[in-house]
């Protein structure tokens, strides 16, 4: 098995599931309001 397959051959999330601060800020520029609700929560 190659290095890529070994690293991502697990069912867990490697980097987590929450968006980071940069993505949260940038989502305002490229998503519709419904899409943004997934990233920006009050």
PDB file of N, CA and C in Angstrom:
ATOM      1  N   UNK A   1       0.858  -1.174   0.000  1.00  0.00           N
ATOM      2  CA  UNK A   1       0.000   0.000   0.000  1.00  0.00           C
ATOM      3  C   UNK A   1       0.910   1.246   0.000  1.00  0.00           C
ATOM      4  N   UNK A   2       0.569   2.221  -0.829  1.00  0.00           N
ATOM      5  CA  UNK A   2       1.413   3.415  -0.906  1.00  0.00           C
ATOM      6  C   UNK A   2       1.156   4.366   0.271  1.00  0.00           C
ATOM      7  N   UNK A   3       1.991   5.365   0.395  1.00  0.00           N
ATOM      8  CA  UNK A   3       1.934   6.296   1.530  1.00  0.00           C
ATOM      9  C   UNK A   3       0.585   7.017   1.606  1.00  0.00           C
ATOM     10  N   UNK A   4       0.063   7.443   0.467  1.00  0.00           N
ATOM     11  CA  UNK A   4      -1.223   8.147   0.437  1.00  0.00           C
ATOM     12  C   UNK A   4      -2.337   7.252   0.981  1.00  0.00           C
ATOM     13  N   UNK A   5      -2.412   6.022   0.512  1.00  0.00           N
ATOM     14  CA  UNK A   5      -3.448   5.096   0.969  1.00  0.00           C
ATOM     15  C   UNK A   5      -3.314   4.783   2.453  1.00  0.00           C
ATOM     16  N   UNK A   6      -2.097   4.634   2.939  1.00  0.00           N
ATOM     17  CA  UNK A   6      -1.895   4.351   4.352  1.00  0.00           C
ATOM     18  C   UNK A   6      -2.363   5.515   5.221  1.00  0.00           C
ATOM     19  N   UNK A   7      -2.084   6.720   4.773  1.00  0.00           N
ATOM     20  CA  UNK A   7      -2.442   7.894   5.563  1.00  0.00           C
ATOM     21  C   UNK A   7      -3.944   8.107   5.639  1.00  0.00           C
ATOM     22  N   UNK A   8      -4.649   7.873   4.552  1.00  0.00           N
ATOM     23  CA  UNK A   8      -6.083   8.175   4.492  1.00  0.00           C
ATOM     24  C   UNK A   8      -6.961   6.925   4.466  1.00  0.00           C
ATOM     25  N   UNK A   9      -6.460   5.819   4.932  1.00  0.00           N
ATOM     26  CA  UNK A   9      -7.212   4.570   4.926  1.00  0.00           C
ATOM     27  C   UNK A   9      -8.025   4.368   6.205  1.00  0.00           C
ATOM     28  N   UNK A  10      -8.298   5.438   6.917  1.00  0.00           N
ATOM     29  CA  UNK A  10      -9.050   5.358   8.165  1.00  0.00           C
ATOM     30  C   UNK A  10     -10.408   6.032   7.985  1.00  0.00           C
ATOM     31  N   UNK A  11     -11.363   5.661   8.818  1.00  0.00           N
ATOM     32  CA  UNK A  11     -12.689   6.261   8.746  1.00  0.00           C
ATOM     33  C   UNK A  11     -12.775   7.594   9.488  1.00  0.00           C
ATOM     34  N   UNK A  12     -11.755   7.946  10.233  1.00  0.00           N
ATOM     35  CA  UNK A  12     -11.760   9.200  10.982  1.00  0.00           C
ATOM     36  C   UNK A  12     -11.340  10.367  10.091  1.00  0.00           C
ATOM     37  N   UNK A  13     -11.691  11.564  10.510  1.00  0.00           N
ATOM     38  CA  UNK A  13     -11.292  12.771   9.781  1.00  0.00           C
ATOM     39  C   UNK A  13      -9.882  13.154  10.189  1.00  0.00           C
ATOM     40  N   UNK A  14      -9.003  13.318   9.231  1.00  0.00           N
ATOM     41  CA  UNK A  14      -7.606  13.611   9.516  1.00  0.00           C
ATOM     42  C   UNK A  14      -7.426  15.019  10.078  1.00  0.00           C
ATOM     43  N   UNK A  15      -8.169  15.986   9.563  1.00  0.00           N
ATOM     44  CA  UNK A  15      -8.025  17.375   9.989  1.00  0.00           C
ATOM     45  C   UNK A  15      -9.234  17.908  10.744  1.00  0.00           C
ATOM     46  N   UNK A  16     -10.146  17.053  11.163  1.00  0.00           N
ATOM     47  CA  UNK A  16     -11.329  17.501  11.884  1.00  0.00           C
ATOM     48  C   UNK A  16     -12.466  17.849  10.942  1.00  0.00           C
ATOM     49  N   UNK A  17     -13.572  18.288  11.506  1.00  0.00           N
ATOM     50  CA  UNK A  17     -14.753  18.592  10.695  1.00  0.00           C
ATOM     51  C   UNK A  17     -15.157  20.066  10.742  1.00  0.00           C
ATOM     52  N   UNK A  18     -14.618  20.818  11.667  1.00  0.00           N
ATOM     53  CA  UNK A  18     -14.980  22.235  11.793  1.00  0.00           C
ATOM     54  C   UNK A  18     -14.134  23.081  10.836  1.00  0.00           C
ATOM     55  N   UNK A  19     -14.746  24.087  10.200  1.00  0.00           N
ATOM     56  CA  UNK A  19     -13.967  24.961   9.322  1.00  0.00           C
ATOM     57  C   UNK A  19     -13.037  25.850  10.143  1.00  0.00           C
ATOM     58  N   UNK A  20     -11.891  26.177   9.575  1.00  0.00           N
ATOM     59  CA  UNK A  20     -10.977  27.071  10.287  1.00  0.00           C
ATOM     60  C   UNK A  20     -11.428  28.525  10.108  1.00  0.00           C
ATOM     61  N   UNK A  21     -10.788  29.433  10.816  1.00  0.00           N
ATOM     62  CA  UNK A  21     -11.178  30.846  10.777  1.00  0.00           C
ATOM     63  C   UNK A  21     -11.103  31.435   9.375  1.00  0.00           C
ATOM     64  N   UNK A  22     -10.051  31.091   8.625  1.00  0.00           N
ATOM     65  CA  UNK A  22      -9.898  31.622   7.273  1.00  0.00           C
ATOM     66  C   UNK A  22     -11.072  31.202   6.386  1.00  0.00           C
ATOM     67  N   UNK A  23     -11.444  29.937   6.414  1.00  0.00           N
ATOM     68  CA  UNK A  23     -12.556  29.465   5.597  1.00  0.00           C
ATOM     69  C   UNK A  23     -13.860  30.129   6.014  1.00  0.00           C
ATOM     70  N   UNK A  24     -14.057  30.285   7.289  1.00  0.00           N
ATOM     71  CA  UNK A  24     -15.275  30.924   7.795  1.00  0.00           C
ATOM     72  C   UNK A  24     -15.385  32.345   7.248  1.00  0.00           C
ATOM     73  N   UNK A  25     -14.293  33.087   7.243  1.00  0.00           N
ATOM     74  CA  UNK A  25     -14.312  34.450   6.720  1.00  0.00           C
ATOM     75  C   UNK A  25     -14.503  34.482   5.204  1.00  0.00           C
ATOM     76  N   UNK A  26     -13.854  33.612   4.471  1.00  0.00           N
ATOM     77  CA  UNK A  26     -13.919  33.605   3.014  1.00  0.00           C
ATOM     78  C   UNK A  26     -15.262  33.077   2.507  1.00  0.00           C
ATOM     79  N   UNK A  27     -15.938  32.266   3.272  1.00  0.00           N
ATOM     80  CA  UNK A  27     -17.221  31.696   2.848  1.00  0.00           C
ATOM     81  C   UNK A  27     -18.234  32.792   2.559  1.00  0.00           C
ATOM     82  N   UNK A  28     -18.104  33.910   3.226  1.00  0.00           N
ATOM     83  CA  UNK A  28     -19.021  35.027   3.002  1.00  0.00           C
ATOM     84  C   UNK A  28     -18.925  35.551   1.571  1.00  0.00           C
ATOM     85  N   UNK A  29     -17.788  35.370   0.939  1.00  0.00           N
ATOM     86  CA  UNK A  29     -17.578  35.901  -0.400  1.00  0.00           C
ATOM     87  C   UNK A  29     -17.997  34.954  -1.518  1.00  0.00           C
ATOM     88  N   UNK A  30     -18.039  33.645  -1.265  1.00  0.00           N
ATOM     89  CA  UNK A  30     -18.298  32.738  -2.368  1.00  0.00           C
ATOM     90  C   UNK A  30     -19.503  31.817  -2.195  1.00  0.00           C
ATOM     91  N   UNK A  31     -20.226  31.913  -1.111  1.00  0.00           N
ATOM     92  CA  UNK A  31     -21.384  31.038  -0.897  1.00  0.00           C
ATOM     93  C   UNK A  31     -22.680  31.832  -0.831  1.00  0.00           C
ATOM     94  N   UNK A  32     -23.748  31.157  -1.205  1.00  0.00           N
ATOM     95  CA  UNK A  32     -25.081  31.704  -1.011  1.00  0.00           C
ATOM     96  C   UNK A  32     -25.419  31.606   0.479  1.00  0.00           C
ATOM     97  N   UNK A  33     -26.423  32.328   0.955  1.00  0.00           N
ATOM     98  CA  UNK A  33     -26.762  32.290   2.390  1.00  0.00           C
ATOM     99  C   UNK A  33     -26.996  30.888   2.948  1.00  0.00           C
ATOM    100  N   UNK A  34     -27.598  30.009   2.189  1.00  0.00           N
ATOM    101  CA  UNK A  34     -27.836  28.647   2.681  1.00  0.00           C
ATOM    102  C   UNK A  34     -26.507  27.925   2.877  1.00  0.00           C
ATOM    103  N   UNK A  35     -25.597  28.089   1.943  1.00  0.00           N
ATOM    104  CA  UNK A  35     -24.275  27.470   2.050  1.00  0.00           C
ATOM    105  C   UNK A  35     -23.524  28.042   3.241  1.00  0.00           C
ATOM    106  N   UNK A  36     -23.602  29.329   3.439  1.00  0.00           N
ATOM    107  CA  UNK A  36     -22.885  29.978   4.538  1.00  0.00           C
ATOM    108  C   UNK A  36     -23.354  29.475   5.893  1.00  0.00           C
ATOM    109  N   UNK A  37     -24.610  29.079   5.999  1.00  0.00           N
ATOM    110  CA  UNK A  37     -25.111  28.623   7.291  1.00  0.00           C
ATOM    111  C   UNK A  37     -24.366  27.390   7.777  1.00  0.00           C
ATOM    112  N   UNK A  38     -23.743  26.648   6.882  1.00  0.00           N
ATOM    113  CA  UNK A  38     -22.969  25.490   7.275  1.00  0.00           C
ATOM    114  C   UNK A  38     -21.640  25.890   7.911  1.00  0.00           C
ATOM    115  N   UNK A  39     -21.124  27.070   7.543  1.00  0.00           N
ATOM    116  CA  UNK A  39     -19.806  27.505   8.000  1.00  0.00           C
ATOM    117  C   UNK A  39     -19.861  28.578   9.092  1.00  0.00           C
ATOM    118  N   UNK A  40     -20.825  29.450   8.996  1.00  0.00           N
ATOM    119  CA  UNK A  40     -20.870  30.603   9.896  1.00  0.00           C
ATOM    120  C   UNK A  40     -22.096  30.463  10.784  1.00  0.00           C
ATOM    121  N   UNK A  41     -21.845  30.142  12.009  1.00  0.00           N
ATOM    122  CA  UNK A  41     -22.967  29.978  12.944  1.00  0.00           C
ATOM    123  C   UNK A  41     -22.894  31.104  13.965  1.00  0.00           C
ATOM    124  N   UNK A  42     -24.052  31.616  14.370  1.00  0.00           N
ATOM    125  CA  UNK A  42     -24.066  32.717  15.349  1.00  0.00           C
ATOM    126  C   UNK A  42     -23.510  32.306  16.695  1.00  0.00           C
TER     127      UNK A  42
END
